[in-house]
Amino acid sequence: MFEGICEAIHKELDVLDEKYSKGTQLSGKDLEDIDKMAHALKSLKGYEVMLGHSEYDGGSYARGRSRTTGRYISRDDGYEPHDGGSYRRY
């Protein structure tokens, strides 16, 4: 997901890396650009991971909160027993 965008950002970073590997002094503008590109890559990766771990199904998250109570629910019957057992981890 977002391979084209990430590839374009990596190419721009490669150009800057080559420029600065020759000993050029880092400019403020390039530093801002590098920061923005690194942040964009990190954000896109985080978004990709988030989509991969959520189970969005018609407006509700299957592993998320109950639409009626707002409490966290499991995949099966909704609640874990309160007999000292631990909550399931997914």
PDB file of N, CA and C in Angstrom:
ATOM      1  N   MET A   1       0.839  -1.174   0.000  1.00  0.00           N
ATOM      2  CA  MET A   1       0.000   0.000   0.000  1.00  0.00           C
ATOM      3  C   MET A   1       0.889   1.243   0.000  1.00  0.00           C
ATOM      4  N   PHE A   2       0.554   2.202  -0.788  1.00  0.00           N
ATOM      5  CA  PHE A   2       1.286   3.468  -0.915  1.00  0.00           C
ATOM      6  C   PHE A   2       2.704   3.281  -1.454  1.00  0.00           C
ATOM      7  N   GLU A   3       2.917   2.189  -2.213  1.00  0.00           N
ATOM      8  CA  GLU A   3       4.256   1.904  -2.712  1.00  0.00           C
ATOM      9  C   GLU A   3       4.797   3.032  -3.583  1.00  0.00           C
ATOM     10  N   GLY A   4       3.960   3.582  -4.448  1.00  0.00           N
ATOM     11  CA  GLY A   4       4.403   4.659  -5.338  1.00  0.00           C
ATOM     12  C   GLY A   4       4.836   5.895  -4.581  1.00  0.00           C
ATOM     13  N   ILE A   5       4.065   6.254  -3.586  1.00  0.00           N
ATOM     14  CA  ILE A   5       4.399   7.430  -2.771  1.00  0.00           C
ATOM     15  C   ILE A   5       5.698   7.186  -2.010  1.00  0.00           C
ATOM     16  N   CYS A   6       5.800   6.035  -1.377  1.00  0.00           N
ATOM     17  CA  CYS A   6       7.004   5.717  -0.602  1.00  0.00           C
ATOM     18  C   CYS A   6       8.234   5.654  -1.500  1.00  0.00           C
ATOM     19  N   GLU A   7       8.091   5.099  -2.694  1.00  0.00           N
ATOM     20  CA  GLU A   7       9.219   5.018  -3.625  1.00  0.00           C
ATOM     21  C   GLU A   7       9.677   6.416  -4.035  1.00  0.00           C
ATOM     22  N   ALA A   8       8.729   7.304  -4.305  1.00  0.00           N
ATOM     23  CA  ALA A   8       9.077   8.676  -4.685  1.00  0.00           C
ATOM     24  C   ALA A   8       9.818   9.392  -3.551  1.00  0.00           C
ATOM     25  N   ILE A   9       9.353   9.187  -2.338  1.00  0.00           N
ATOM     26  CA  ILE A   9      10.017   9.809  -1.181  1.00  0.00           C
ATOM     27  C   ILE A   9      11.422   9.241  -1.016  1.00  0.00           C
ATOM     28  N   HIS A  10      11.559   7.915  -1.157  1.00  0.00           N
ATOM     29  CA  HIS A  10      12.888   7.300  -1.039  1.00  0.00           C
ATOM     30  C   HIS A  10      13.846   7.829  -2.110  1.00  0.00           C
ATOM     31  N   LYS A  11      13.355   8.046  -3.324  1.00  0.00           N
ATOM     32  CA  LYS A  11      14.209   8.590  -4.392  1.00  0.00           C
ATOM     33  C   LYS A  11      14.691   9.987  -4.022  1.00  0.00           C
ATOM     34  N   GLU A  12      13.791  10.807  -3.485  1.00  0.00           N
ATOM     35  CA  GLU A  12      14.186  12.161  -3.063  1.00  0.00           C
ATOM     36  C   GLU A  12      15.206  12.104  -1.935  1.00  0.00           C
ATOM     37  N   LEU A  13      15.005  11.194  -1.006  1.00  0.00           N
ATOM     38  CA  LEU A  13      15.968  11.039   0.084  1.00  0.00           C
ATOM     39  C   LEU A  13      17.315  10.540  -0.434  1.00  0.00           C
ATOM     40  N   ASP A  14      17.302   9.661  -1.423  1.00  0.00           N
ATOM     41  CA  ASP A  14      18.555   9.181  -2.029  1.00  0.00           C
ATOM     42  C   ASP A  14      19.327  10.327  -2.676  1.00  0.00           C
ATOM     43  N   VAL A  15      18.608  11.217  -3.357  1.00  0.00           N
ATOM     44  CA  VAL A  15      19.249  12.380  -3.990  1.00  0.00           C
ATOM     45  C   VAL A  15      19.913  13.248  -2.921  1.00  0.00           C
ATOM     46  N   LEU A  16      19.196  13.488  -1.835  1.00  0.00           N
ATOM     47  CA  LEU A  16      19.761  14.303  -0.755  1.00  0.00           C
ATOM     48  C   LEU A  16      20.930  13.587  -0.076  1.00  0.00           C
ATOM     49  N   ASP A  17      20.800  12.281   0.100  1.00  0.00           N
ATOM     50  CA  ASP A  17      21.886  11.516   0.712  1.00  0.00           C
ATOM     51  C   ASP A  17      23.153  11.609  -0.129  1.00  0.00           C
ATOM     52  N   GLU A  18      22.992  11.471  -1.427  1.00  0.00           N
ATOM     53  CA  GLU A  18      24.150  11.585  -2.327  1.00  0.00           C
ATOM     54  C   GLU A  18      24.769  12.981  -2.239  1.00  0.00           C
ATOM     55  N   LYS A  19      23.922  13.991  -2.204  1.00  0.00           N
ATOM     56  CA  LYS A  19      24.390  15.372  -2.112  1.00  0.00           C
ATOM     57  C   LYS A  19      25.219  15.579  -0.841  1.00  0.00           C
ATOM     58  N   TYR A  20      24.745  15.070   0.270  1.00  0.00           N
ATOM     59  CA  TYR A  20      25.429  15.306   1.545  1.00  0.00           C
ATOM     60  C   TYR A  20      26.545  14.312   1.822  1.00  0.00           C
ATOM     61  N   SER A  21      26.594  13.219   1.092  1.00  0.00           N
ATOM     62  CA  SER A  21      27.709  12.284   1.275  1.00  0.00           C
ATOM     63  C   SER A  21      29.000  12.850   0.686  1.00  0.00           C
ATOM     64  N   LYS A  22      28.863  13.890  -0.137  1.00  0.00           N
ATOM     65  CA  LYS A  22      30.036  14.540  -0.734  1.00  0.00           C
ATOM     66  C   LYS A  22      30.581  15.660   0.148  1.00  0.00           C
ATOM     67  N   GLY A  23      29.998  15.826   1.339  1.00  0.00           N
ATOM     68  CA  GLY A  23      30.507  16.823   2.273  1.00  0.00           C
ATOM     69  C   GLY A  23      29.814  18.169   2.215  1.00  0.00           C
ATOM     70  N   THR A  24      28.745  18.270   1.460  1.00  0.00           N
ATOM     71  CA  THR A  24      27.989  19.514   1.390  1.00  0.00           C
ATOM     72  C   THR A  24      27.409  19.835   2.761  1.00  0.00           C
ATOM     73  N   GLN A  25      27.399  21.117   3.107  1.00  0.00           N
ATOM     74  CA  GLN A  25      26.837  21.528   4.390  1.00  0.00           C
ATOM     75  C   GLN A  25      25.310  21.470   4.315  1.00  0.00           C
ATOM     76  N   LEU A  26      24.698  20.913   5.338  1.00  0.00           N
ATOM     77  CA  LEU A  26      23.250  20.723   5.382  1.00  0.00           C
ATOM     78  C   LEU A  26      22.542  22.070   5.484  1.00  0.00           C
ATOM     79  N   SER A  27      21.601  22.301   4.586  1.00  0.00           N
ATOM     80  CA  SER A  27      20.842  23.550   4.611  1.00  0.00           C
ATOM     81  C   SER A  27      19.577  23.373   5.445  1.00  0.00           C
ATOM     82  N   GLY A  28      19.058  24.459   5.931  1.00  0.00           N
ATOM     83  CA  GLY A  28      17.831  24.425   6.722  1.00  0.00           C
ATOM     84  C   GLY A  28      16.653  23.909   5.923  1.00  0.00           C
ATOM     85  N   LYS A  29      16.567  24.316   4.665  1.00  0.00           N
ATOM     86  CA  LYS A  29      15.458  23.868   3.806  1.00  0.00           C
ATOM     87  C   LYS A  29      15.529  22.365   3.583  1.00  0.00           C
ATOM     88  N   ASP A  30      16.732  21.858   3.276  1.00  0.00           N
ATOM     89  CA  ASP A  30      16.863  20.417   3.068  1.00  0.00           C
ATOM     90  C   ASP A  30      16.541  19.650   4.350  1.00  0.00           C
ATOM     91  N   LEU A  31      16.954  20.186   5.486  1.00  0.00           N
ATOM     92  CA  LEU A  31      16.655  19.527   6.750  1.00  0.00           C
ATOM     93  C   LEU A  31      15.138  19.468   6.972  1.00  0.00           C
ATOM     94  N   GLU A  32      14.441  20.553   6.665  1.00  0.00           N
ATOM     95  CA  GLU A  32      12.978  20.562   6.766  1.00  0.00           C
ATOM     96  C   GLU A  32      12.365  19.521   5.838  1.00  0.00           C
ATOM     97  N   ASP A  33      12.877  19.462   4.604  1.00  0.00           N
ATOM     98  CA  ASP A  33      12.358  18.496   3.627  1.00  0.00           C
ATOM     99  C   ASP A  33      12.600  17.060   4.091  1.00  0.00           C
ATOM    100  N   ILE A  34      13.790  16.799   4.609  1.00  0.00           N
ATOM    101  CA  ILE A  34      14.123  15.457   5.108  1.00  0.00           C
ATOM    102  C   ILE A  34      13.195  15.090   6.253  1.00  0.00           C
ATOM    103  N   ASP A  35      12.975  16.028   7.154  1.00  0.00           N
ATOM    104  CA  ASP A  35      12.092  15.785   8.295  1.00  0.00           C
ATOM    105  C   ASP A  35      10.672  15.473   7.830  1.00  0.00           C
ATOM    106  N   LYS A  36      10.165  16.242   6.883  1.00  0.00           N
ATOM    107  CA  LYS A  36       8.814  16.015   6.360  1.00  0.00           C
ATOM    108  C   LYS A  36       8.705  14.666   5.664  1.00  0.00           C
ATOM    109  N   MET A  37       9.725  14.321   4.881  1.00  0.00           N
ATOM    110  CA  MET A  37       9.681  13.045   4.165  1.00  0.00           C
ATOM    111  C   MET A  37       9.766  11.870   5.136  1.00  0.00           C
ATOM    112  N   ALA A  38      10.633  11.975   6.145  1.00  0.00           N
ATOM    113  CA  ALA A  38      10.753  10.905   7.132  1.00  0.00           C
ATOM    114  C   ALA A  38       9.445  10.758   7.904  1.00  0.00           C
ATOM    115  N   HIS A  39       8.843  11.883   8.258  1.00  0.00           N
ATOM    116  CA  HIS A  39       7.571  11.845   8.972  1.00  0.00           C
ATOM    117  C   HIS A  39       6.482  11.222   8.095  1.00  0.00           C
ATOM    118  N   ALA A  40       6.454  11.579   6.820  1.00  0.00           N
ATOM    119  CA  ALA A  40       5.465  11.017   5.906  1.00  0.00           C
ATOM    120  C   ALA A  40       5.624   9.505   5.789  1.00  0.00           C
ATOM    121  N   LEU A  41       6.864   9.037   5.655  1.00  0.00           N
ATOM    122  CA  LEU A  41       7.099   7.592   5.570  1.00  0.00           C
ATOM    123  C   LEU A  41       6.621   6.892   6.837  1.00  0.00           C
ATOM    124  N   LYS A  42       6.935   7.476   7.978  1.00  0.00           N
ATOM    125  CA  LYS A  42       6.534   6.884   9.252  1.00  0.00           C
ATOM    126  C   LYS A  42       5.010   6.875   9.379  1.00  0.00           C
ATOM    127  N   SER A  43       4.369   7.954   8.994  1.00  0.00           N
ATOM    128  CA  SER A  43       2.910   8.038   9.082  1.00  0.00           C
ATOM    129  C   SER A  43       2.236   7.036   8.154  1.00  0.00           C
ATOM    130  N   LEU A  44       2.744   6.919   6.934  1.00  0.00           N
ATOM    131  CA  LEU A  44       2.168   5.965   5.992  1.00  0.00           C
ATOM    132  C   LEU A  44       2.325   4.531   6.493  1.00  0.00           C
ATOM    133  N   LYS A  45       3.478   4.229   7.060  1.00  0.00           N
ATOM    134  CA  LYS A  45       3.710   2.883   7.593  1.00  0.00           C
ATOM    135  C   LYS A  45       2.787   2.612   8.774  1.00  0.00           C
ATOM    136  N   GLY A  46       2.635   3.593   9.644  1.00  0.00           N
ATOM    137  CA  GLY A  46       1.727   3.440  10.778  1.00  0.00           C
ATOM    138  C   GLY A  46       0.295   3.229  10.339  1.00  0.00           C
ATOM    139  N   TYR A  47      -0.119   3.970   9.329  1.00  0.00           N
ATOM    140  CA  TYR A  47      -1.468   3.830   8.794  1.00  0.00           C
ATOM    141  C   TYR A  47      -1.662   2.441   8.196  1.00  0.00           C
ATOM    142  N   GLU A  48      -0.650   1.984   7.486  1.00  0.00           N
ATOM    143  CA  GLU A  48      -0.698   0.652   6.878  1.00  0.00           C
ATOM    144  C   GLU A  48      -0.813  -0.426   7.952  1.00  0.00           C
ATOM    145  N   VAL A  49      -0.038  -0.298   9.015  1.00  0.00           N
ATOM    146  CA  VAL A  49      -0.082  -1.263  10.116  1.00  0.00           C
ATOM    147  C   VAL A  49      -1.441  -1.209  10.801  1.00  0.00           C
ATOM    148  N   MET A  50      -1.951  -0.002  11.009  1.00  0.00           N
ATOM    149  CA  MET A  50      -3.240   0.152  11.653  1.00  0.00           C
ATOM    150  C   MET A  50      -4.336  -0.539  10.837  1.00  0.00           C
ATOM    151  N   LEU A  51      -4.313  -0.357   9.541  1.00  0.00           N
ATOM    152  CA  LEU A  51      -5.310  -1.005   8.690  1.00  0.00           C
ATOM    153  C   LEU A  51      -5.176  -2.512   8.730  1.00  0.00           C
ATOM    154  N   GLY A  52      -3.958  -2.986   8.805  1.00  0.00           N
ATOM    155  CA  GLY A  52      -3.730  -4.426   8.836  1.00  0.00           C
ATOM    156  C   GLY A  52      -4.183  -5.085  10.116  1.00  0.00           C
ATOM    157  N   HIS A  53      -4.218  -4.329  11.218  1.00  0.00           N
ATOM    158  CA  HIS A  53      -4.587  -4.914  12.506  1.00  0.00           C
ATOM    159  C   HIS A  53      -6.027  -4.651  12.892  1.00  0.00           C
ATOM    160  N   SER A  54      -6.697  -3.754  12.224  1.00  0.00           N
ATOM    161  CA  SER A  54      -8.095  -3.512  12.555  1.00  0.00           C
ATOM    162  C   SER A  54      -8.968  -4.458  11.753  1.00  0.00           C
ATOM    163  N   GLU A  55     -10.096  -4.705  12.270  1.00  0.00           N
ATOM    164  CA  GLU A  55     -11.038  -5.557  11.559  1.00  0.00           C
ATOM    165  C   GLU A  55     -12.318  -4.769  11.400  1.00  0.00           C
ATOM    166  N   TYR A  56     -12.254  -3.788  10.570  1.00  0.00           N
ATOM    167  CA  TYR A  56     -13.392  -2.917  10.337  1.00  0.00           C
ATOM    168  C   TYR A  56     -14.459  -3.672   9.570  1.00  0.00           C
ATOM    169  N   ASP A  57     -15.647  -3.682  10.096  1.00  0.00           N
ATOM    170  CA  ASP A  57     -16.720  -4.457   9.477  1.00  0.00           C
ATOM    171  C   ASP A  57     -18.016  -3.667   9.537  1.00  0.00           C
ATOM    172  N   GLY A  58     -18.317  -2.955   8.488  1.00  0.00           N
ATOM    173  CA  GLY A  58     -19.584  -2.275   8.393  1.00  0.00           C
ATOM    174  C   GLY A  58     -19.830  -1.225   9.449  1.00  0.00           C
ATOM    175  N   GLY A  59     -18.810  -0.558   9.895  1.00  0.00           N
ATOM    176  CA  GLY A  59     -19.002   0.524  10.854  1.00  0.00           C
ATOM    177  C   GLY A  59     -18.621   0.190  12.279  1.00  0.00           C
ATOM    178  N   SER A  60     -18.237  -1.039  12.556  1.00  0.00           N
ATOM    179  CA  SER A  60     -17.812  -1.360  13.911  1.00  0.00           C
ATOM    180  C   SER A  60     -16.536  -2.177  13.854  1.00  0.00           C
ATOM    181  N   TYR A  61     -15.744  -2.093  14.876  1.00  0.00           N
ATOM    182  CA  TYR A  61     -14.532  -2.895  14.956  1.00  0.00           C
ATOM    183  C   TYR A  61     -14.861  -4.178  15.699  1.00  0.00           C
ATOM    184  N   ALA A  62     -14.623  -5.315  15.076  1.00  0.00           N
ATOM    185  CA  ALA A  62     -14.966  -6.593  15.676  1.00  0.00           C
ATOM    186  C   ALA A  62     -14.219  -6.827  16.981  1.00  0.00           C
ATOM    187  N   ARG A  63     -13.005  -6.311  17.095  1.00  0.00           N
ATOM    188  CA  ARG A  63     -12.228  -6.499  18.319  1.00  0.00           C
ATOM    189  C   ARG A  63     -12.217  -5.252  19.171  1.00  0.00           C
ATOM    190  N   GLY A  64     -13.061  -4.323  18.897  1.00  0.00           N
ATOM    191  CA  GLY A  64     -12.996  -3.046  19.593  1.00  0.00           C
ATOM    192  C   GLY A  64     -14.001  -2.906  20.692  1.00  0.00           C
ATOM    193  N   ARG A  65     -14.742  -1.834  20.652  1.00  0.00           N
ATOM    194  CA  ARG A  65     -15.711  -1.544  21.694  1.00  0.00           C
ATOM    195  C   ARG A  65     -17.118  -1.877  21.221  1.00  0.00           C
ATOM    196  N   SER A  66     -17.942  -2.235  22.182  1.00  0.00           N
ATOM    197  CA  SER A  66     -19.340  -2.508  21.894  1.00  0.00           C
ATOM    198  C   SER A  66     -20.029  -1.222  21.466  1.00  0.00           C
ATOM    199  N   ARG A  67     -20.877  -1.312  20.453  1.00  0.00           N
ATOM    200  CA  ARG A  67     -21.612  -0.125  20.015  1.00  0.00           C
ATOM    201  C   ARG A  67     -22.603   0.341  21.060  1.00  0.00           C
ATOM    202  N   THR A  68     -23.130  -0.580  21.858  1.00  0.00           N
ATOM    203  CA  THR A  68     -24.162  -0.212  22.832  1.00  0.00           C
ATOM    204  C   THR A  68     -23.588   0.251  24.165  1.00  0.00           C
ATOM    205  N   THR A  69     -22.556  -0.436  24.669  1.00  0.00           N
ATOM    206  CA  THR A  69     -22.036  -0.093  26.002  1.00  0.00           C
ATOM    207  C   THR A  69     -20.732   0.689  25.971  1.00  0.00           C
ATOM    208  N   GLY A  70     -20.007   0.602  24.871  1.00  0.00           N
ATOM    209  CA  GLY A  70     -18.712   1.257  24.802  1.00  0.00           C
ATOM    210  C   GLY A  70     -17.595   0.451  25.432  1.00  0.00           C
ATOM    211  N   ARG A  71     -17.933  -0.701  26.017  1.00  0.00           N
ATOM    212  CA  ARG A  71     -16.918  -1.550  26.642  1.00  0.00           C
ATOM    213  C   ARG A  71     -16.180  -2.353  25.588  1.00  0.00           C
ATOM    214  N   TYR A  72     -14.949  -2.753  25.916  1.00  0.00           N
ATOM    215  CA  TYR A  72     -14.203  -3.613  25.014  1.00  0.00           C
ATOM    216  C   TYR A  72     -14.838  -4.988  24.968  1.00  0.00           C
ATOM    217  N   ILE A  73     -14.867  -5.554  23.755  1.00  0.00           N
ATOM    218  CA  ILE A  73     -15.469  -6.871  23.584  1.00  0.00           C
ATOM    219  C   ILE A  73     -14.499  -7.796  22.885  1.00  0.00           C
ATOM    220  N   SER A  74     -14.728  -9.089  23.059  1.00  0.00           N
ATOM    221  CA  SER A  74     -13.920 -10.081  22.353  1.00  0.00           C
ATOM    222  C   SER A  74     -14.634 -10.463  21.072  1.00  0.00           C
ATOM    223  N   ARG A  75     -14.075 -11.402  20.332  1.00  0.00           N
ATOM    224  CA  ARG A  75     -14.672 -11.806  19.063  1.00  0.00           C
ATOM    225  C   ARG A  75     -15.885 -12.705  19.248  1.00  0.00           C
ATOM    226  N   ASP A  76     -15.931 -13.443  20.352  1.00  0.00           N
ATOM    227  CA  ASP A  76     -16.996 -14.439  20.472  1.00  0.00           C
ATOM    228  C   ASP A  76     -18.247 -13.850  21.119  1.00  0.00           C
ATOM    229  N   ASP A  77     -18.448 -13.993  22.421  1.00  0.00           N
ATOM    230  CA  ASP A  77     -19.714 -13.575  23.024  1.00  0.00           C
ATOM    231  C   ASP A  77     -19.697 -12.152  23.569  1.00  0.00           C
ATOM    232  N   GLY A  78     -18.607 -11.493  23.540  1.00  0.00           N
ATOM    233  CA  GLY A  78     -18.592 -10.090  23.949  1.00  0.00           C
ATOM    234  C   GLY A  78     -17.807  -9.808  25.208  1.00  0.00           C
ATOM    235  N   TYR A  79     -17.909 -10.650  26.220  1.00  0.00           N
ATOM    236  CA  TYR A  79     -17.236 -10.352  27.475  1.00  0.00           C
ATOM    237  C   TYR A  79     -16.487 -11.566  27.984  1.00  0.00           C
ATOM    238  N   GLU A  80     -15.444 -11.298  28.715  1.00  0.00           N
ATOM    239  CA  GLU A  80     -14.678 -12.361  29.337  1.00  0.00           C
ATOM    240  C   GLU A  80     -15.259 -12.626  30.728  1.00  0.00           C
ATOM    241  N   PRO A  81     -15.120 -13.827  31.255  1.00  0.00           N
ATOM    242  CA  PRO A  81     -15.626 -14.101  32.604  1.00  0.00           C
ATOM    243  C   PRO A  81     -14.853 -13.293  33.639  1.00  0.00           C
ATOM    244  N   HIS A  82     -15.549 -12.916  34.686  1.00  0.00           N
ATOM    245  CA  HIS A  82     -14.916 -12.115  35.741  1.00  0.00           C
ATOM    246  C   HIS A  82     -14.610 -12.988  36.956  1.00  0.00           C
ATOM    247  N   ASP A  83     -14.098 -14.186  36.725  1.00  0.00           N
ATOM    248  CA  ASP A  83     -13.789 -15.105  37.814  1.00  0.00           C
ATOM    249  C   ASP A  83     -12.297 -15.132  38.115  1.00  0.00           C
ATOM    250  N   GLY A  84     -11.646 -14.031  37.920  1.00  0.00           N
ATOM    251  CA  GLY A  84     -10.216 -13.970  38.188  1.00  0.00           C
ATOM    252  C   GLY A  84      -9.371 -14.317  36.986  1.00  0.00           C
ATOM    253  N   GLY A  85     -10.009 -14.723  35.897  1.00  0.00           N
ATOM    254  CA  GLY A  85      -9.275 -15.036  34.687  1.00  0.00           C
ATOM    255  C   GLY A  85      -8.745 -13.774  34.033  1.00  0.00           C
ATOM    256  N   SER A  86      -7.882 -13.954  33.108  1.00  0.00           N
ATOM    257  CA  SER A  86      -7.320 -12.781  32.424  1.00  0.00           C
ATOM    258  C   SER A  86      -8.076 -12.521  31.138  1.00  0.00           C
ATOM    259  N   TYR A  87      -7.974 -11.306  30.669  1.00  0.00           N
ATOM    260  CA  TYR A  87      -8.575 -10.958  29.384  1.00  0.00           C
ATOM    261  C   TYR A  87      -7.774 -11.578  28.258  1.00  0.00           C
ATOM    262  N   ARG A  88      -8.456 -11.938  27.208  1.00  0.00           N
ATOM    263  CA  ARG A  88      -7.751 -12.497  26.053  1.00  0.00           C
ATOM    264  C   ARG A  88      -6.954 -11.430  25.349  1.00  0.00           C
ATOM    265  N   ARG A  89      -5.857 -11.829  24.752  1.00  0.00           N
ATOM    266  CA  ARG A  89      -5.043 -10.919  23.958  1.00  0.00           C
ATOM    267  C   ARG A  89      -5.104 -11.398  22.524  1.00  0.00           C
ATOM    268  N   TYR A  90      -5.262 -10.469  21.609  1.00  0.00           N
ATOM    269  CA  TYR A  90      -5.340 -10.823  20.192  1.00  0.00           C
ATOM    270  C   TYR A  90      -4.137 -10.316  19.468  1.00  0.00           C
TER     271      TYR A  90
END
